[in-house]
Amino acid sequence: KKQSRYIIYSVFQEERHVRENLIEHKLNIEFLKEANRPFKVLKGYYKNKPELSIIRPLKSSWDSAIVEQALHVFNQDSVLILENHKHGLYKAKLVFNTLESKNLGYFRQVKKEVAEKEDCYTKDGSNYYICTKNDNTMVDSQIF
């Protein structure tokens, strides 16, 4: 059975040096491993800057502990919440540290060339994903 909800977040912060961001990322990975939490590391671009992201399943429609940790402990402006829509396609919602949210449309797999034209995208291995407004393409890709 496919997981129905995910969170994608990063511990990277714009004002920190890359080395510091990588150390924080490694500490978060160690914590997740010690706590035996499922996760996967993704590469991403946020506002045209490369960063490592983490995708984790959410057990309920709003797993507030994970969302709060990602926003406040890691001092993030926002996190991406994915909710299963249909045919392997996920609805995408940005949740801000004010807990307000913005629907982004759909999280969909695209060709590398399409993703690299965007200022925000996610890369999982050789698969590229962006948020789009429409859902007119059937997608069947496993994201976690």
C-alpha atoms as a PDB file:
ATOM      1  CA  LYS A   1       0.000   0.000   0.000  1.00  0.00           C
ATOM      2  CA  LYS A   2       1.316   3.417  -0.942  1.00  0.00           C
ATOM      3  CA  GLN A   3       1.780   5.956   1.792  1.00  0.00           C
ATOM      4  CA  SER A   4      -0.813   8.698   1.441  1.00  0.00           C
ATOM      5  CA  ARG A   5       1.014  11.709   2.977  1.00  0.00           C
ATOM      6  CA  TYR A   6       4.590  12.983   3.146  1.00  0.00           C
ATOM      7  CA  ILE A   7       6.539  15.950   4.366  1.00  0.00           C
ATOM      8  CA  ILE A   8       9.584  17.298   2.539  1.00  0.00           C
ATOM      9  CA  TYR A   9      11.820  19.618   4.507  1.00  0.00           C
ATOM     10  CA  SER A  10      15.399  20.770   4.774  1.00  0.00           C
ATOM     11  CA  VAL A  11      17.565  21.824   7.687  1.00  0.00           C
ATOM     12  CA  PHE A  12      19.583  24.105   5.395  1.00  0.00           C
ATOM     13  CA  GLN A  13      19.477  27.806   6.193  1.00  0.00           C
ATOM     14  CA  GLU A  14      20.375  30.518   3.721  1.00  0.00           C
ATOM     15  CA  GLU A  15      22.518  32.534   6.136  1.00  0.00           C
ATOM     16  CA  ARG A  16      24.695  29.560   7.165  1.00  0.00           C
ATOM     17  CA  HIS A  17      27.835  28.387   5.424  1.00  0.00           C
ATOM     18  CA  VAL A  18      27.434  25.225   3.337  1.00  0.00           C
ATOM     19  CA  ARG A  19      29.656  23.274   5.775  1.00  0.00           C
ATOM     20  CA  GLU A  20      27.402  24.189   8.714  1.00  0.00           C
ATOM     21  CA  ASN A  21      24.306  23.192   6.741  1.00  0.00           C
ATOM     22  CA  LEU A  22      25.848  19.813   5.912  1.00  0.00           C
ATOM     23  CA  ILE A  23      26.710  19.242   9.594  1.00  0.00           C
ATOM     24  CA  GLU A  24      23.116  20.069  10.634  1.00  0.00           C
ATOM     25  CA  HIS A  25      21.789  17.778   7.907  1.00  0.00           C
ATOM     26  CA  LYS A  26      24.037  14.928   9.099  1.00  0.00           C
ATOM     27  CA  LEU A  27      22.883  15.432  12.707  1.00  0.00           C
ATOM     28  CA  ASN A  28      19.255  15.234  11.609  1.00  0.00           C
ATOM     29  CA  ILE A  29      19.957  12.018   9.668  1.00  0.00           C
ATOM     30  CA  GLU A  30      21.669  10.500  12.719  1.00  0.00           C
ATOM     31  CA  PHE A  31      18.675  11.450  14.888  1.00  0.00           C
ATOM     32  CA  LEU A  32      16.219   9.875  12.433  1.00  0.00           C
ATOM     33  CA  LYS A  33      18.286   6.666  12.274  1.00  0.00           C
ATOM     34  CA  GLU A  34      18.596   6.431  16.075  1.00  0.00           C
ATOM     35  CA  ALA A  35      14.864   7.037  16.450  1.00  0.00           C
ATOM     36  CA  ASN A  36      14.218   4.361  13.786  1.00  0.00           C
ATOM     37  CA  ARG A  37      12.160   6.788  11.704  1.00  0.00           C
ATOM     38  CA  PRO A  38      11.628   6.141   7.980  1.00  0.00           C
ATOM     39  CA  PHE A  39      13.112   8.802   5.713  1.00  0.00           C
ATOM     40  CA  LYS A  40      14.900   9.342   2.443  1.00  0.00           C
ATOM     41  CA  VAL A  41      17.370  12.038   1.446  1.00  0.00           C
ATOM     42  CA  LEU A  42      16.546  14.015  -1.675  1.00  0.00           C
ATOM     43  CA  LYS A  43      18.412  16.702  -3.549  1.00  0.00           C
ATOM     44  CA  GLY A  44      16.551  19.878  -4.159  1.00  0.00           C
ATOM     45  CA  TYR A  45      16.707  23.413  -5.330  1.00  0.00           C
ATOM     46  CA  TYR A  46      14.921  26.099  -3.383  1.00  0.00           C
ATOM     47  CA  LYS A  47      14.965  29.623  -4.791  1.00  0.00           C
ATOM     48  CA  ASN A  48      17.652  28.445  -7.247  1.00  0.00           C
ATOM     49  CA  LYS A  49      19.979  27.273  -4.438  1.00  0.00           C
ATOM     50  CA  PRO A  50      20.936  23.601  -4.013  1.00  0.00           C
ATOM     51  CA  GLU A  51      20.079  21.908  -0.733  1.00  0.00           C
ATOM     52  CA  LEU A  52      19.568  18.457   0.675  1.00  0.00           C
ATOM     53  CA  SER A  53      16.014  17.662   1.691  1.00  0.00           C
ATOM     54  CA  ILE A  54      14.409  14.889   3.678  1.00  0.00           C
ATOM     55  CA  ILE A  55      11.143  13.190   2.847  1.00  0.00           C
ATOM     56  CA  ARG A  56       9.252  11.452   5.646  1.00  0.00           C
ATOM     57  CA  PRO A  57       5.850   9.793   5.738  1.00  0.00           C
ATOM     58  CA  LEU A  58       3.133  11.468   7.800  1.00  0.00           C
ATOM     59  CA  LYS A  59       0.974   9.031   9.711  1.00  0.00           C
ATOM     60  CA  SER A  60      -2.084  11.282   9.836  1.00  0.00           C
ATOM     61  CA  SER A  61      -3.405  14.184   7.809  1.00  0.00           C
ATOM     62  CA  TRP A  62      -1.594  16.563  10.140  1.00  0.00           C
ATOM     63  CA  ASP A  63       1.283  15.077  12.085  1.00  0.00           C
ATOM     64  CA  SER A  64       1.886  18.277  14.015  1.00  0.00           C
ATOM     65  CA  ALA A  65       5.016  17.079  15.844  1.00  0.00           C
ATOM     66  CA  ILE A  66       6.952  16.438  12.623  1.00  0.00           C
ATOM     67  CA  VAL A  67       5.694  19.622  10.976  1.00  0.00           C
ATOM     68  CA  GLU A  68       6.440  21.751  14.059  1.00  0.00           C
ATOM     69  CA  GLN A  69       9.926  20.243  14.366  1.00  0.00           C
ATOM     70  CA  ALA A  70      10.719  20.907  10.715  1.00  0.00           C
ATOM     71  CA  LEU A  71       9.460  24.492  10.904  1.00  0.00           C
ATOM     72  CA  HIS A  72      10.640  25.642  14.313  1.00  0.00           C
ATOM     73  CA  VAL A  73      13.496  23.418  15.497  1.00  0.00           C
ATOM     74  CA  PHE A  74      15.156  23.647  12.089  1.00  0.00           C
ATOM     75  CA  ASN A  75      14.085  27.285  11.680  1.00  0.00           C
ATOM     76  CA  GLN A  76      12.502  26.860   8.263  1.00  0.00           C
ATOM     77  CA  ASP A  77      10.210  29.342   6.520  1.00  0.00           C
ATOM     78  CA  SER A  78       8.105  26.528   5.096  1.00  0.00           C
ATOM     79  CA  VAL A  79       7.771  22.794   4.468  1.00  0.00           C
ATOM     80  CA  LEU A  80       6.114  20.906   1.623  1.00  0.00           C
ATOM     81  CA  ILE A  81       3.250  18.545   2.438  1.00  0.00           C
ATOM     82  CA  LEU A  82       2.262  15.947  -0.175  1.00  0.00           C
ATOM     83  CA  GLU A  83      -1.094  14.187  -0.110  1.00  0.00           C
ATOM     84  CA  ASN A  84      -2.025  11.275  -2.376  1.00  0.00           C
ATOM     85  CA  HIS A  85      -4.420  12.410  -5.096  1.00  0.00           C
ATOM     86  CA  LYS A  86      -4.800   9.734  -7.807  1.00  0.00           C
ATOM     87  CA  HIS A  87      -2.752   7.588 -10.179  1.00  0.00           C
ATOM     88  CA  GLY A  88       0.410   8.131  -8.118  1.00  0.00           C
ATOM     89  CA  LEU A  89      -0.010  11.904  -8.264  1.00  0.00           C
ATOM     90  CA  TYR A  90       0.264  13.989  -5.089  1.00  0.00           C
ATOM     91  CA  LYS A  91      -1.336  17.306  -4.166  1.00  0.00           C
ATOM     92  CA  ALA A  92       1.283  19.759  -2.877  1.00  0.00           C
ATOM     93  CA  LYS A  93       0.799  22.290  -0.106  1.00  0.00           C
ATOM     94  CA  LEU A  94       3.351  24.668   1.349  1.00  0.00           C
ATOM     95  CA  VAL A  95       2.949  25.140   5.122  1.00  0.00           C
ATOM     96  CA  PHE A  96       4.615  28.243   6.524  1.00  0.00           C
ATOM     97  CA  ASN A  97       6.085  28.741  10.009  1.00  0.00           C
ATOM     98  CA  THR A  98       2.996  30.853  10.784  1.00  0.00           C
ATOM     99  CA  LEU A  99       1.048  27.601  10.093  1.00  0.00           C
ATOM    100  CA  GLU A 100      -0.711  29.301   7.194  1.00  0.00           C
ATOM    101  CA  SER A 101      -0.653  27.251   4.015  1.00  0.00           C
ATOM    102  CA  LYS A 102      -0.705  27.698   0.256  1.00  0.00           C
ATOM    103  CA  ASN A 103      -1.847  25.096  -2.258  1.00  0.00           C
ATOM    104  CA  LEU A 104       0.772  24.661  -4.993  1.00  0.00           C
ATOM    105  CA  GLY A 105      -1.174  22.260  -7.185  1.00  0.00           C
ATOM    106  CA  TYR A 106       0.422  18.885  -7.871  1.00  0.00           C
ATOM    107  CA  PHE A 107       3.829  17.339  -7.206  1.00  0.00           C
ATOM    108  CA  ARG A 108       4.689  15.670 -10.473  1.00  0.00           C
ATOM    109  CA  GLN A 109       7.563  13.971 -12.186  1.00  0.00           C
ATOM    110  CA  VAL A 110       8.993  15.867 -15.161  1.00  0.00           C
ATOM    111  CA  LYS A 111      12.001  15.702 -17.451  1.00  0.00           C
ATOM    112  CA  LYS A 112      15.279  17.112 -16.144  1.00  0.00           C
ATOM    113  CA  GLU A 113      15.167  19.959 -18.663  1.00  0.00           C
ATOM    114  CA  VAL A 114      11.720  21.037 -17.431  1.00  0.00           C
ATOM    115  CA  ALA A 115      12.709  20.893 -13.746  1.00  0.00           C
ATOM    116  CA  GLU A 116      15.891  22.882 -14.246  1.00  0.00           C
ATOM    117  CA  LYS A 117      13.874  25.803 -15.650  1.00  0.00           C
ATOM    118  CA  GLU A 118      12.114  26.148 -12.285  1.00  0.00           C
ATOM    119  CA  ASP A 119      13.533  27.941  -9.236  1.00  0.00           C
ATOM    120  CA  CYS A 120      12.333  25.092  -6.980  1.00  0.00           C
ATOM    121  CA  TYR A 121      12.466  21.380  -7.751  1.00  0.00           C
ATOM    122  CA  THR A 122      13.230  18.039  -6.123  1.00  0.00           C
ATOM    123  CA  LYS A 123      15.508  15.300  -7.421  1.00  0.00           C
ATOM    124  CA  ASP A 124      15.273  11.670  -6.310  1.00  0.00           C
ATOM    125  CA  GLY A 125      17.992   9.668  -8.041  1.00  0.00           C
ATOM    126  CA  SER A 126      17.431  10.371 -11.730  1.00  0.00           C
ATOM    127  CA  ASN A 127      13.791  11.482 -11.228  1.00  0.00           C
ATOM    128  CA  TYR A 128      12.874  15.171 -11.143  1.00  0.00           C
ATOM    129  CA  TYR A 129       9.749  16.657  -9.562  1.00  0.00           C
ATOM    130  CA  ILE A 130       8.116  20.081  -9.600  1.00  0.00           C
ATOM    131  CA  CYS A 131       4.826  21.539  -8.427  1.00  0.00           C
ATOM    132  CA  THR A 132       2.357  22.312 -11.214  1.00  0.00           C
ATOM    133  CA  LYS A 133      -1.182  23.656 -11.324  1.00  0.00           C
ATOM    134  CA  ASN A 134      -2.695  20.853 -13.438  1.00  0.00           C
ATOM    135  CA  ASP A 135      -3.063  17.100 -13.033  1.00  0.00           C
ATOM    136  CA  ASN A 136      -3.801  16.052 -16.615  1.00  0.00           C
ATOM    137  CA  THR A 137      -1.013  13.465 -16.828  1.00  0.00           C
ATOM    138  CA  MET A 138      -1.204  10.046 -15.239  1.00  0.00           C
ATOM    139  CA  VAL A 139       1.896   9.462 -13.158  1.00  0.00           C
ATOM    140  CA  ASP A 140       2.938   6.230 -11.515  1.00  0.00           C
ATOM    141  CA  SER A 141       6.179   6.858  -9.707  1.00  0.00           C
ATOM    142  CA  GLN A 142       7.108   5.802  -6.214  1.00  0.00           C
ATOM    143  CA  ILE A 143       8.424   8.807  -4.292  1.00  0.00           C
ATOM    144  CA  PHE A 144       9.501   7.052  -1.117  1.00  0.00           C
END
